Amino acid sequence: MGKIICLMGKSSTGKDTIFKSLLSDKDLGLKKIVPYTTRPIRAGERNGVEYFFRSEEDFLQLKARGRIIEDREYHTFHGLWRYFVADDGQIEDSGNYIMIGTLEAYRHLQDYFGTERVLPVMIELDDGDRLQRALNRERRQESPKYEEMCRRFLADSEDFSEEKILSAGITKRFVNSDLKQCLCQIRNYIELSLKE
């Protein structure tokens, strides 16, 4: 049975960049799990690539059919946004997978697939650096949503509190102050874990 690598971390820690690099590493041979969201698509995103962008009605239909593995809802300045992973045939017993998630998503994946099958990869970065990255990204949007950026930044302190990280059993962390070094450490960690 293959493993599911769950990349986690506060917003703007570099998860997307690390995800893309690990996914393109042919030696690792990871397959992507595309999550779902009801939030509006951002500039540069494509449906089915970063997320499957769906309506609230689509979410409710999947939930009624028992197809939701994990879901989170955020009451944003722009309304209710959901993020979720669905049992939609993307994840098979064989093969190794990678996705970006939260601590809550990680725990739900463990409950659904088994603790031994889900590998946590926690990415960290100094809060000042994160805030600058978030601001730079938001400025590139056609309609910047600064209020939502700030809400997300502040919510991360609670969502990724030290207590919650330890409660989830996560002891290994990777600091993304030097991308090349961080990627090398994560890659080695994944390689070793896949051999177990």
N, C-alpha and C. Protein backbone atom coordinates (compact mmCIF):
# COMPACT_ATOMS: atom_id res chain seq x y z
N MET A 1 0.84 -1.19 0.00
CA MET A 1 0.00 0.00 0.00
C MET A 1 0.88 1.24 0.00
N GLY A 2 0.59 2.20 -0.88
CA GLY A 2 1.38 3.41 -1.01
C GLY A 2 1.14 4.40 0.11
N LYS A 3 1.90 5.48 0.07
CA LYS A 3 1.79 6.52 1.09
C LYS A 3 1.18 7.80 0.49
N ILE A 4 0.63 8.61 1.39
CA ILE A 4 0.11 9.92 1.03
C ILE A 4 0.94 10.95 1.79
N ILE A 5 1.69 11.76 1.06
CA ILE A 5 2.48 12.82 1.68
C ILE A 5 1.59 14.04 1.79
N CYS A 6 1.44 14.54 3.02
CA CYS A 6 0.59 15.70 3.27
C CYS A 6 1.48 16.89 3.65
N LEU A 7 1.66 17.82 2.69
CA LEU A 7 2.42 19.04 2.94
C LEU A 7 1.55 20.01 3.72
N MET A 8 2.10 20.53 4.82
CA MET A 8 1.34 21.45 5.67
C MET A 8 2.20 22.63 6.06
N GLY A 9 1.54 23.68 6.49
CA GLY A 9 2.23 24.86 6.98
C GLY A 9 1.34 26.07 6.86
N LYS A 10 1.72 27.10 7.55
CA LYS A 10 0.97 28.35 7.50
C LYS A 10 1.00 28.91 6.08
N SER A 11 0.12 29.86 5.81
CA SER A 11 0.07 30.46 4.48
C SER A 11 1.41 31.13 4.15
N SER A 12 1.77 31.07 2.88
CA SER A 12 2.98 31.72 2.34
C SER A 12 4.29 31.16 2.89
N THR A 13 4.30 29.88 3.24
CA THR A 13 5.55 29.24 3.66
C THR A 13 6.26 28.60 2.48
N GLY A 14 5.64 28.62 1.31
CA GLY A 14 6.26 28.04 0.12
C GLY A 14 5.75 26.66 -0.23
N LYS A 15 4.60 26.29 0.31
CA LYS A 15 4.05 24.95 0.08
C LYS A 15 3.84 24.67 -1.41
N ASP A 16 3.28 25.63 -2.15
CA ASP A 16 3.01 25.41 -3.57
C ASP A 16 4.30 25.16 -4.36
N THR A 17 5.32 25.94 -4.08
CA THR A 17 6.60 25.79 -4.77
C THR A 17 7.22 24.44 -4.45
N ILE A 18 7.20 24.07 -3.19
CA ILE A 18 7.76 22.77 -2.77
C ILE A 18 6.95 21.63 -3.37
N PHE A 19 5.63 21.76 -3.34
CA PHE A 19 4.74 20.75 -3.92
C PHE A 19 5.08 20.51 -5.39
N LYS A 20 5.18 21.59 -6.16
CA LYS A 20 5.46 21.46 -7.60
C LYS A 20 6.81 20.82 -7.85
N SER A 21 7.80 21.16 -7.04
CA SER A 21 9.13 20.59 -7.21
C SER A 21 9.14 19.09 -6.90
N LEU A 22 8.49 18.70 -5.81
CA LEU A 22 8.45 17.28 -5.44
C LEU A 22 7.64 16.48 -6.45
N LEU A 23 6.57 17.06 -6.94
CA LEU A 23 5.72 16.38 -7.92
C LEU A 23 6.46 16.15 -9.24
N SER A 24 7.32 17.10 -9.62
CA SER A 24 8.05 16.97 -10.88
C SER A 24 9.29 16.08 -10.76
N ASP A 25 9.63 15.65 -9.54
CA ASP A 25 10.80 14.79 -9.31
C ASP A 25 10.45 13.36 -9.74
N LYS A 26 10.91 12.95 -10.92
CA LYS A 26 10.57 11.64 -11.47
C LYS A 26 11.05 10.49 -10.59
N ASP A 27 12.16 10.69 -9.86
CA ASP A 27 12.67 9.63 -8.99
C ASP A 27 11.71 9.32 -7.84
N LEU A 28 11.00 10.34 -7.37
CA LEU A 28 10.03 10.10 -6.30
C LEU A 28 8.76 9.46 -6.84
N GLY A 29 8.39 9.80 -8.06
CA GLY A 29 7.22 9.19 -8.71
C GLY A 29 5.90 9.43 -7.99
N LEU A 30 5.72 10.64 -7.47
CA LEU A 30 4.50 10.95 -6.71
C LEU A 30 3.37 11.37 -7.65
N LYS A 31 2.16 11.00 -7.27
CA LYS A 31 0.96 11.42 -8.00
C LYS A 31 0.27 12.50 -7.17
N LYS A 32 -0.34 13.42 -7.86
CA LYS A 32 -0.97 14.56 -7.19
C LYS A 32 -2.41 14.25 -6.80
N ILE A 33 -2.78 14.66 -5.59
CA ILE A 33 -4.18 14.66 -5.17
C ILE A 33 -4.66 16.09 -5.31
N VAL A 34 -5.67 16.30 -6.13
CA VAL A 34 -6.20 17.65 -6.33
C VAL A 34 -7.39 17.83 -5.39
N PRO A 35 -7.28 18.77 -4.43
CA PRO A 35 -8.40 19.02 -3.53
C PRO A 35 -9.46 19.89 -4.22
N TYR A 36 -10.54 20.12 -3.51
CA TYR A 36 -11.65 20.92 -4.01
C TYR A 36 -11.79 22.19 -3.18
N THR A 37 -12.36 23.22 -3.77
CA THR A 37 -12.70 24.42 -3.02
C THR A 37 -13.92 25.10 -3.64
N THR A 38 -14.62 25.83 -2.80
CA THR A 38 -15.75 26.64 -3.29
C THR A 38 -15.36 28.11 -3.42
N ARG A 39 -14.10 28.45 -3.10
CA ARG A 39 -13.69 29.84 -3.22
C ARG A 39 -13.49 30.21 -4.69
N PRO A 40 -13.50 31.50 -4.99
CA PRO A 40 -13.29 31.92 -6.39
C PRO A 40 -11.87 31.58 -6.86
N ILE A 41 -11.75 31.32 -8.12
CA ILE A 41 -10.45 31.01 -8.71
C ILE A 41 -9.60 32.29 -8.72
N ARG A 42 -8.30 32.15 -8.43
CA ARG A 42 -7.37 33.29 -8.44
C ARG A 42 -6.69 33.40 -9.79
N ALA A 43 -6.13 34.56 -10.05
CA ALA A 43 -5.38 34.77 -11.29
C ALA A 43 -4.26 33.74 -11.38
N GLY A 44 -4.16 33.10 -12.54
CA GLY A 44 -3.10 32.12 -12.76
C GLY A 44 -3.48 30.69 -12.39
N GLU A 45 -4.59 30.50 -11.67
CA GLU A 45 -5.01 29.15 -11.31
C GLU A 45 -5.85 28.56 -12.44
N ARG A 46 -5.85 27.22 -12.50
CA ARG A 46 -6.64 26.51 -13.50
C ARG A 46 -7.45 25.42 -12.82
N ASN A 47 -8.69 25.29 -13.22
CA ASN A 47 -9.57 24.28 -12.64
C ASN A 47 -8.98 22.89 -12.89
N GLY A 48 -8.90 22.09 -11.82
CA GLY A 48 -8.36 20.74 -11.93
C GLY A 48 -6.86 20.67 -11.76
N VAL A 49 -6.20 21.80 -11.62
CA VAL A 49 -4.74 21.82 -11.43
C VAL A 49 -4.42 22.10 -9.96
N GLU A 50 -4.67 23.33 -9.51
CA GLU A 50 -4.45 23.64 -8.09
C GLU A 50 -5.60 23.08 -7.25
N TYR A 51 -6.80 23.27 -7.73
CA TYR A 51 -8.03 22.80 -7.07
C TYR A 51 -9.04 22.45 -8.15
N PHE A 52 -10.04 21.67 -7.73
CA PHE A 52 -11.28 21.60 -8.49
C PHE A 52 -12.18 22.67 -7.89
N PHE A 53 -12.56 23.65 -8.68
CA PHE A 53 -13.39 24.74 -8.19
C PHE A 53 -14.85 24.35 -8.38
N ARG A 54 -15.58 24.26 -7.27
CA ARG A 54 -16.95 23.79 -7.29
C ARG A 54 -17.86 24.74 -6.51
N SER A 55 -19.14 24.58 -6.71
CA SER A 55 -20.13 25.41 -6.02
C SER A 55 -20.47 24.79 -4.67
N GLU A 56 -21.14 25.57 -3.85
CA GLU A 56 -21.63 25.06 -2.57
C GLU A 56 -22.58 23.88 -2.79
N GLU A 57 -23.40 23.96 -3.83
CA GLU A 57 -24.34 22.88 -4.15
C GLU A 57 -23.59 21.58 -4.49
N ASP A 58 -22.50 21.70 -5.23
CA ASP A 58 -21.69 20.53 -5.57
C ASP A 58 -21.15 19.88 -4.29
N PHE A 59 -20.65 20.71 -3.37
CA PHE A 59 -20.14 20.20 -2.10
C PHE A 59 -21.22 19.44 -1.35
N LEU A 60 -22.39 20.04 -1.22
CA LEU A 60 -23.49 19.42 -0.48
C LEU A 60 -23.93 18.10 -1.11
N GLN A 61 -23.90 18.00 -2.43
CA GLN A 61 -24.25 16.75 -3.10
C GLN A 61 -23.23 15.66 -2.80
N LEU A 62 -21.94 16.00 -2.85
CA LEU A 62 -20.89 15.02 -2.53
C LEU A 62 -21.00 14.57 -1.08
N LYS A 63 -21.28 15.51 -0.18
CA LYS A 63 -21.41 15.18 1.24
C LYS A 63 -22.61 14.25 1.46
N ALA A 64 -23.72 14.52 0.80
CA ALA A 64 -24.92 13.68 0.94
C ALA A 64 -24.66 12.26 0.45
N ARG A 65 -23.76 12.12 -0.53
CA ARG A 65 -23.42 10.79 -1.05
C ARG A 65 -22.30 10.12 -0.26
N GLY A 66 -21.82 10.77 0.83
CA GLY A 66 -20.77 10.19 1.66
C GLY A 66 -19.41 10.15 0.99
N ARG A 67 -19.14 11.10 0.09
CA ARG A 67 -17.90 11.09 -0.69
C ARG A 67 -16.84 12.07 -0.17
N ILE A 68 -17.11 12.76 0.94
CA ILE A 68 -16.15 13.73 1.47
C ILE A 68 -15.24 13.04 2.49
N ILE A 69 -13.93 13.09 2.26
CA ILE A 69 -12.94 12.52 3.18
C ILE A 69 -12.68 13.50 4.32
N GLU A 70 -12.50 14.75 3.97
CA GLU A 70 -12.30 15.80 4.97
C GLU A 70 -12.71 17.12 4.37
N ASP A 71 -13.21 18.02 5.24
CA ASP A 71 -13.58 19.34 4.76
C ASP A 71 -13.39 20.37 5.86
N ARG A 72 -13.12 21.59 5.41
CA ARG A 72 -12.97 22.74 6.30
C ARG A 72 -13.76 23.88 5.73
N GLU A 73 -14.30 24.70 6.60
CA GLU A 73 -15.00 25.89 6.12
C GLU A 73 -14.42 27.12 6.77
N TYR A 74 -14.35 28.18 5.98
CA TYR A 74 -13.80 29.44 6.45
C TYR A 74 -14.81 30.54 6.16
N HIS A 75 -15.14 31.28 7.18
CA HIS A 75 -16.05 32.42 7.03
C HIS A 75 -15.17 33.63 6.74
N THR A 76 -15.05 33.96 5.47
CA THR A 76 -14.13 34.99 5.03
C THR A 76 -14.86 36.33 4.87
N PHE A 77 -14.09 37.35 4.53
CA PHE A 77 -14.69 38.66 4.25
C PHE A 77 -15.53 38.63 2.98
N HIS A 78 -15.39 37.55 2.22
CA HIS A 78 -16.10 37.43 0.94
C HIS A 78 -17.12 36.29 0.95
N GLY A 79 -17.47 35.82 2.14
CA GLY A 79 -18.45 34.75 2.25
C GLY A 79 -17.83 33.44 2.69
N LEU A 80 -18.63 32.38 2.69
CA LEU A 80 -18.19 31.06 3.12
C LEU A 80 -17.37 30.39 2.02
N TRP A 81 -16.16 29.97 2.35
CA TRP A 81 -15.31 29.22 1.43
C TRP A 81 -15.04 27.86 2.04
N ARG A 82 -15.21 26.82 1.27
CA ARG A 82 -14.91 25.46 1.72
C ARG A 82 -13.71 24.91 0.96
N TYR A 83 -12.95 24.08 1.66
CA TYR A 83 -11.86 23.32 1.07
C TYR A 83 -12.11 21.87 1.48
N PHE A 84 -11.97 20.95 0.54
CA PHE A 84 -12.25 19.56 0.89
C PHE A 84 -11.54 18.58 -0.04
N VAL A 85 -11.42 17.35 0.45
CA VAL A 85 -10.89 16.24 -0.32
C VAL A 85 -12.02 15.24 -0.47
N ALA A 86 -12.23 14.79 -1.69
CA ALA A 86 -13.33 13.86 -1.96
C ALA A 86 -12.79 12.50 -2.37
N ASP A 87 -13.54 11.48 -2.02
CA ASP A 87 -13.25 10.12 -2.49
C ASP A 87 -13.82 10.04 -3.90
N ASP A 88 -12.99 10.45 -4.87
CA ASP A 88 -13.45 10.58 -6.25
C ASP A 88 -12.65 9.70 -7.21
N GLY A 89 -11.91 8.73 -6.67
CA GLY A 89 -11.14 7.83 -7.50
C GLY A 89 -9.71 8.26 -7.75
N GLN A 90 -9.30 9.42 -7.24
CA GLN A 90 -7.92 9.87 -7.44
C GLN A 90 -6.92 9.00 -6.68
N ILE A 91 -7.31 8.50 -5.49
CA ILE A 91 -6.39 7.79 -4.61
C ILE A 91 -6.67 6.29 -4.69
N GLU A 92 -5.66 5.55 -5.15
CA GLU A 92 -5.76 4.09 -5.23
C GLU A 92 -4.86 3.48 -4.15
N ASP A 93 -5.00 2.18 -3.93
CA ASP A 93 -4.20 1.51 -2.91
C ASP A 93 -2.71 1.50 -3.25
N SER A 94 -2.40 1.37 -4.53
CA SER A 94 -0.99 1.36 -4.94
C SER A 94 -0.57 2.77 -5.34
N GLY A 95 0.72 3.01 -5.32
CA GLY A 95 1.23 4.32 -5.69
C GLY A 95 1.38 5.23 -4.49
N ASN A 96 2.20 6.25 -4.67
CA ASN A 96 2.43 7.24 -3.64
C ASN A 96 1.91 8.59 -4.12
N TYR A 97 1.30 9.31 -3.19
CA TYR A 97 0.59 10.54 -3.53
C TYR A 97 1.10 11.71 -2.71
N ILE A 98 0.82 12.91 -3.21
CA ILE A 98 1.19 14.12 -2.49
C ILE A 98 0.05 15.13 -2.61
N MET A 99 -0.16 15.86 -1.52
CA MET A 99 -1.18 16.91 -1.50
C MET A 99 -0.78 17.97 -0.49
N ILE A 100 -1.41 19.12 -0.60
CA ILE A 100 -1.24 20.19 0.38
C ILE A 100 -2.48 20.18 1.26
N GLY A 101 -2.27 20.24 2.58
CA GLY A 101 -3.40 20.21 3.49
C GLY A 101 -3.14 21.00 4.76
N THR A 102 -4.03 20.85 5.70
CA THR A 102 -3.92 21.48 7.01
C THR A 102 -3.71 20.39 8.05
N LEU A 103 -3.47 20.78 9.28
CA LEU A 103 -3.37 19.78 10.36
C LEU A 103 -4.66 18.97 10.47
N GLU A 104 -5.78 19.67 10.33
CA GLU A 104 -7.07 19.01 10.40
C GLU A 104 -7.23 18.01 9.26
N ALA A 105 -6.83 18.41 8.06
CA ALA A 105 -6.91 17.52 6.90
C ALA A 105 -6.01 16.30 7.12
N TYR A 106 -4.82 16.54 7.63
CA TYR A 106 -3.88 15.45 7.92
C TYR A 106 -4.51 14.41 8.85
N ARG A 107 -5.14 14.87 9.90
CA ARG A 107 -5.76 13.93 10.87
C ARG A 107 -6.93 13.18 10.25
N HIS A 108 -7.73 13.85 9.41
CA HIS A 108 -8.84 13.17 8.74
C HIS A 108 -8.32 12.13 7.74
N LEU A 109 -7.23 12.46 7.05
CA LEU A 109 -6.63 11.49 6.14
C LEU A 109 -6.14 10.27 6.89
N GLN A 110 -5.55 10.48 8.06
CA GLN A 110 -5.11 9.36 8.90
C GLN A 110 -6.30 8.49 9.30
N ASP A 111 -7.39 9.12 9.71
CA ASP A 111 -8.59 8.37 10.10
C ASP A 111 -9.14 7.56 8.93
N TYR A 112 -9.11 8.13 7.75
CA TYR A 112 -9.72 7.51 6.57
C TYR A 112 -8.83 6.41 5.98
N PHE A 113 -7.51 6.69 5.86
CA PHE A 113 -6.61 5.76 5.19
C PHE A 113 -5.71 4.96 6.13
N GLY A 114 -5.61 5.37 7.39
CA GLY A 114 -4.72 4.71 8.35
C GLY A 114 -3.48 5.54 8.61
N THR A 115 -3.07 5.57 9.86
CA THR A 115 -1.93 6.38 10.29
C THR A 115 -0.66 6.05 9.52
N GLU A 116 -0.43 4.76 9.29
CA GLU A 116 0.82 4.33 8.65
C GLU A 116 0.91 4.76 7.18
N ARG A 117 -0.21 5.13 6.60
CA ARG A 117 -0.21 5.47 5.18
C ARG A 117 0.00 6.97 4.93
N VAL A 118 -0.18 7.82 5.92
CA VAL A 118 -0.11 9.27 5.72
C VAL A 118 1.16 9.83 6.36
N LEU A 119 1.98 10.50 5.55
CA LEU A 119 3.26 11.05 5.99
C LEU A 119 3.17 12.57 6.09
N PRO A 120 3.37 13.15 7.29
CA PRO A 120 3.30 14.60 7.42
C PRO A 120 4.62 15.28 7.03
N VAL A 121 4.50 16.38 6.30
CA VAL A 121 5.67 17.22 5.99
C VAL A 121 5.28 18.65 6.37
N MET A 122 5.77 19.09 7.53
CA MET A 122 5.43 20.41 8.08
C MET A 122 6.48 21.42 7.65
N ILE A 123 6.05 22.48 6.95
CA ILE A 123 6.94 23.53 6.45
C ILE A 123 6.74 24.78 7.29
N GLU A 124 7.84 25.40 7.69
CA GLU A 124 7.78 26.60 8.53
C GLU A 124 8.62 27.72 7.92
N LEU A 125 8.29 28.94 8.31
CA LEU A 125 9.02 30.13 7.87
C LEU A 125 8.73 31.26 8.84
N ASP A 126 9.69 32.15 9.02
CA ASP A 126 9.53 33.32 9.87
C ASP A 126 8.28 34.10 9.48
N ASP A 127 7.51 34.56 10.47
CA ASP A 127 6.25 35.26 10.21
C ASP A 127 6.44 36.53 9.37
N GLY A 128 7.51 37.27 9.57
CA GLY A 128 7.75 38.47 8.78
C GLY A 128 7.94 38.14 7.30
N ASP A 129 8.70 37.08 7.04
CA ASP A 129 8.91 36.65 5.66
C ASP A 129 7.60 36.16 5.04
N ARG A 130 6.79 35.45 5.81
CA ARG A 130 5.50 34.97 5.32
C ARG A 130 4.58 36.14 4.94
N LEU A 131 4.53 37.12 5.82
CA LEU A 131 3.66 38.27 5.58
C LEU A 131 4.07 39.02 4.31
N GLN A 132 5.38 39.19 4.11
CA GLN A 132 5.86 39.87 2.90
C GLN A 132 5.51 39.08 1.65
N ARG A 133 5.69 37.76 1.70
CA ARG A 133 5.34 36.91 0.55
C ARG A 133 3.85 37.00 0.25
N ALA A 134 3.03 36.97 1.30
CA ALA A 134 1.57 37.03 1.12
C ALA A 134 1.17 38.36 0.48
N LEU A 135 1.77 39.44 0.94
CA LEU A 135 1.46 40.77 0.40
C LEU A 135 1.88 40.86 -1.07
N ASN A 136 3.07 40.35 -1.39
CA ASN A 136 3.53 40.37 -2.78
C ASN A 136 2.59 39.58 -3.69
N ARG A 137 2.14 38.42 -3.21
CA ARG A 137 1.24 37.58 -4.01
C ARG A 137 -0.11 38.29 -4.21
N GLU A 138 -0.63 38.89 -3.16
CA GLU A 138 -1.94 39.54 -3.24
C GLU A 138 -1.90 40.74 -4.18
N ARG A 139 -0.80 41.46 -4.20
CA ARG A 139 -0.66 42.62 -5.09
C ARG A 139 -0.72 42.22 -6.56
N ARG A 140 -0.36 40.98 -6.86
CA ARG A 140 -0.39 40.52 -8.26
C ARG A 140 -1.79 40.14 -8.72
N GLN A 141 -2.74 40.05 -7.81
CA GLN A 141 -4.11 39.67 -8.17
C GLN A 141 -4.82 40.83 -8.85
N GLU A 142 -5.73 40.50 -9.75
CA GLU A 142 -6.51 41.54 -10.44
C GLU A 142 -7.34 42.35 -9.44
N SER A 143 -7.92 41.65 -8.46
CA SER A 143 -8.69 42.31 -7.39
C SER A 143 -8.12 41.84 -6.05
N PRO A 144 -7.09 42.51 -5.54
CA PRO A 144 -6.49 42.08 -4.28
C PRO A 144 -7.52 42.03 -3.14
N LYS A 145 -7.40 41.01 -2.31
CA LYS A 145 -8.29 40.83 -1.16
C LYS A 145 -7.43 40.89 0.12
N TYR A 146 -7.04 42.10 0.48
CA TYR A 146 -6.13 42.29 1.60
C TYR A 146 -6.75 41.88 2.93
N GLU A 147 -8.05 42.13 3.08
CA GLU A 147 -8.71 41.74 4.33
C GLU A 147 -8.62 40.23 4.53
N GLU A 148 -8.87 39.48 3.47
CA GLU A 148 -8.81 38.02 3.55
C GLU A 148 -7.38 37.54 3.80
N MET A 149 -6.41 38.21 3.19
CA MET A 149 -5.02 37.87 3.42
C MET A 149 -4.67 38.01 4.91
N CYS A 150 -5.12 39.11 5.50
CA CYS A 150 -4.85 39.35 6.92
C CYS A 150 -5.59 38.35 7.81
N ARG A 151 -6.85 38.05 7.47
CA ARG A 151 -7.61 37.08 8.25
C ARG A 151 -6.91 35.72 8.24
N ARG A 152 -6.45 35.31 7.05
CA ARG A 152 -5.79 34.02 6.90
C ARG A 152 -4.48 34.00 7.69
N PHE A 153 -3.73 35.09 7.62
CA PHE A 153 -2.46 35.18 8.33
C PHE A 153 -2.67 35.02 9.84
N LEU A 154 -3.68 35.73 10.38
CA LEU A 154 -3.95 35.66 11.81
C LEU A 154 -4.53 34.30 12.22
N ALA A 155 -5.37 33.72 11.37
CA ALA A 155 -5.97 32.42 11.68
C ALA A 155 -4.91 31.32 11.74
N ASP A 156 -3.82 31.48 10.98
CA ASP A 156 -2.76 30.48 10.99
C ASP A 156 -2.15 30.28 12.37
N SER A 157 -2.09 31.35 13.16
CA SER A 157 -1.52 31.23 14.51
C SER A 157 -2.29 30.24 15.36
N GLU A 158 -3.60 30.24 15.19
CA GLU A 158 -4.43 29.28 15.93
C GLU A 158 -4.42 27.91 15.26
N ASP A 159 -4.58 27.90 13.94
CA ASP A 159 -4.66 26.63 13.22
C ASP A 159 -3.38 25.81 13.33
N PHE A 160 -2.24 26.47 13.39
CA PHE A 160 -0.95 25.79 13.47
C PHE A 160 -0.24 26.12 14.80
N SER A 161 -1.02 26.14 15.87
CA SER A 161 -0.41 26.39 17.18
C SER A 161 0.51 25.23 17.55
N GLU A 162 1.47 25.52 18.41
CA GLU A 162 2.42 24.50 18.85
C GLU A 162 1.69 23.31 19.48
N GLU A 163 0.66 23.61 20.23
CA GLU A 163 -0.13 22.56 20.88
C GLU A 163 -0.78 21.63 19.86
N LYS A 164 -1.36 22.20 18.79
CA LYS A 164 -2.03 21.39 17.77
C LYS A 164 -1.02 20.57 16.96
N ILE A 165 0.13 21.14 16.69
CA ILE A 165 1.17 20.41 15.94
C ILE A 165 1.63 19.20 16.75
N LEU A 166 1.91 19.42 18.04
CA LEU A 166 2.35 18.31 18.89
C LEU A 166 1.24 17.28 19.10
N SER A 167 0.01 17.75 19.24
CA SER A 167 -1.14 16.85 19.41
C SER A 167 -1.32 15.95 18.19
N ALA A 168 -0.96 16.44 17.02
CA ALA A 168 -1.06 15.64 15.79
C ALA A 168 0.10 14.65 15.65
N GLY A 169 1.05 14.71 16.60
CA GLY A 169 2.17 13.78 16.57
C GLY A 169 3.27 14.16 15.59
N ILE A 170 3.30 15.42 15.19
CA ILE A 170 4.31 15.87 14.22
C ILE A 170 5.54 16.37 14.97
N THR A 171 6.65 15.71 14.73
CA THR A 171 7.90 16.09 15.39
C THR A 171 8.95 16.59 14.42
N LYS A 172 8.85 16.20 13.16
CA LYS A 172 9.81 16.62 12.14
C LYS A 172 9.26 17.83 11.38
N ARG A 173 10.08 18.88 11.28
CA ARG A 173 9.67 20.10 10.59
C ARG A 173 10.79 20.57 9.68
N PHE A 174 10.40 21.35 8.66
CA PHE A 174 11.35 21.83 7.67
C PHE A 174 11.19 23.34 7.52
N VAL A 175 12.29 24.07 7.76
CA VAL A 175 12.27 25.53 7.67
C VAL A 175 12.65 25.94 6.25
N ASN A 176 11.78 26.72 5.61
CA ASN A 176 11.97 27.11 4.22
C ASN A 176 12.60 28.50 4.09
N SER A 177 13.69 28.74 4.79
CA SER A 177 14.41 30.01 4.63
C SER A 177 15.38 29.93 3.47
N ASP A 178 15.77 28.71 3.09
CA ASP A 178 16.61 28.45 1.92
C ASP A 178 15.93 27.33 1.15
N LEU A 179 15.27 27.68 0.04
CA LEU A 179 14.44 26.73 -0.69
C LEU A 179 15.21 25.49 -1.11
N LYS A 180 16.39 25.66 -1.66
CA LYS A 180 17.16 24.51 -2.16
C LYS A 180 17.48 23.53 -1.02
N GLN A 181 17.93 24.07 0.10
CA GLN A 181 18.27 23.23 1.25
C GLN A 181 17.02 22.55 1.81
N CYS A 182 15.93 23.30 1.91
CA CYS A 182 14.68 22.76 2.43
C CYS A 182 14.18 21.62 1.55
N LEU A 183 14.19 21.81 0.24
CA LEU A 183 13.77 20.77 -0.69
C LEU A 183 14.61 19.52 -0.57
N CYS A 184 15.90 19.69 -0.43
CA CYS A 184 16.81 18.55 -0.28
C CYS A 184 16.47 17.74 0.98
N GLN A 185 16.23 18.44 2.09
CA GLN A 185 15.89 17.77 3.35
C GLN A 185 14.55 17.03 3.24
N ILE A 186 13.57 17.68 2.63
CA ILE A 186 12.25 17.06 2.47
C ILE A 186 12.34 15.84 1.56
N ARG A 187 13.05 15.98 0.47
CA ARG A 187 13.19 14.87 -0.48
C ARG A 187 13.83 13.65 0.20
N ASN A 188 14.90 13.87 0.96
CA ASN A 188 15.57 12.77 1.67
C ASN A 188 14.62 12.11 2.67
N TYR A 189 13.86 12.92 3.38
CA TYR A 189 12.87 12.43 4.36
C TYR A 189 11.82 11.56 3.67
N ILE A 190 11.32 12.02 2.54
CA ILE A 190 10.30 11.26 1.81
C ILE A 190 10.88 9.96 1.28
N GLU A 191 12.07 10.03 0.68
CA GLU A 191 12.72 8.82 0.15
C GLU A 191 12.87 7.75 1.22
N LEU A 192 13.35 8.14 2.39
CA LEU A 192 13.52 7.19 3.49
C LEU A 192 12.18 6.62 3.94
N SER A 193 11.17 7.47 4.02
CA SER A 193 9.85 7.02 4.47
C SER A 193 9.19 6.08 3.48
N LEU A 194 9.41 6.29 2.19
CA LEU A 194 8.81 5.43 1.18
C LEU A 194 9.45 4.03 1.17
N LYS A 195 10.67 3.94 1.68
CA LYS A 195 11.36 2.64 1.74
C LYS A 195 10.91 1.80 2.93
N GLU A 196 10.29 2.43 3.91
CA GLU A 196 9.88 1.70 5.12
C GLU A 196 8.73 0.75 4.84
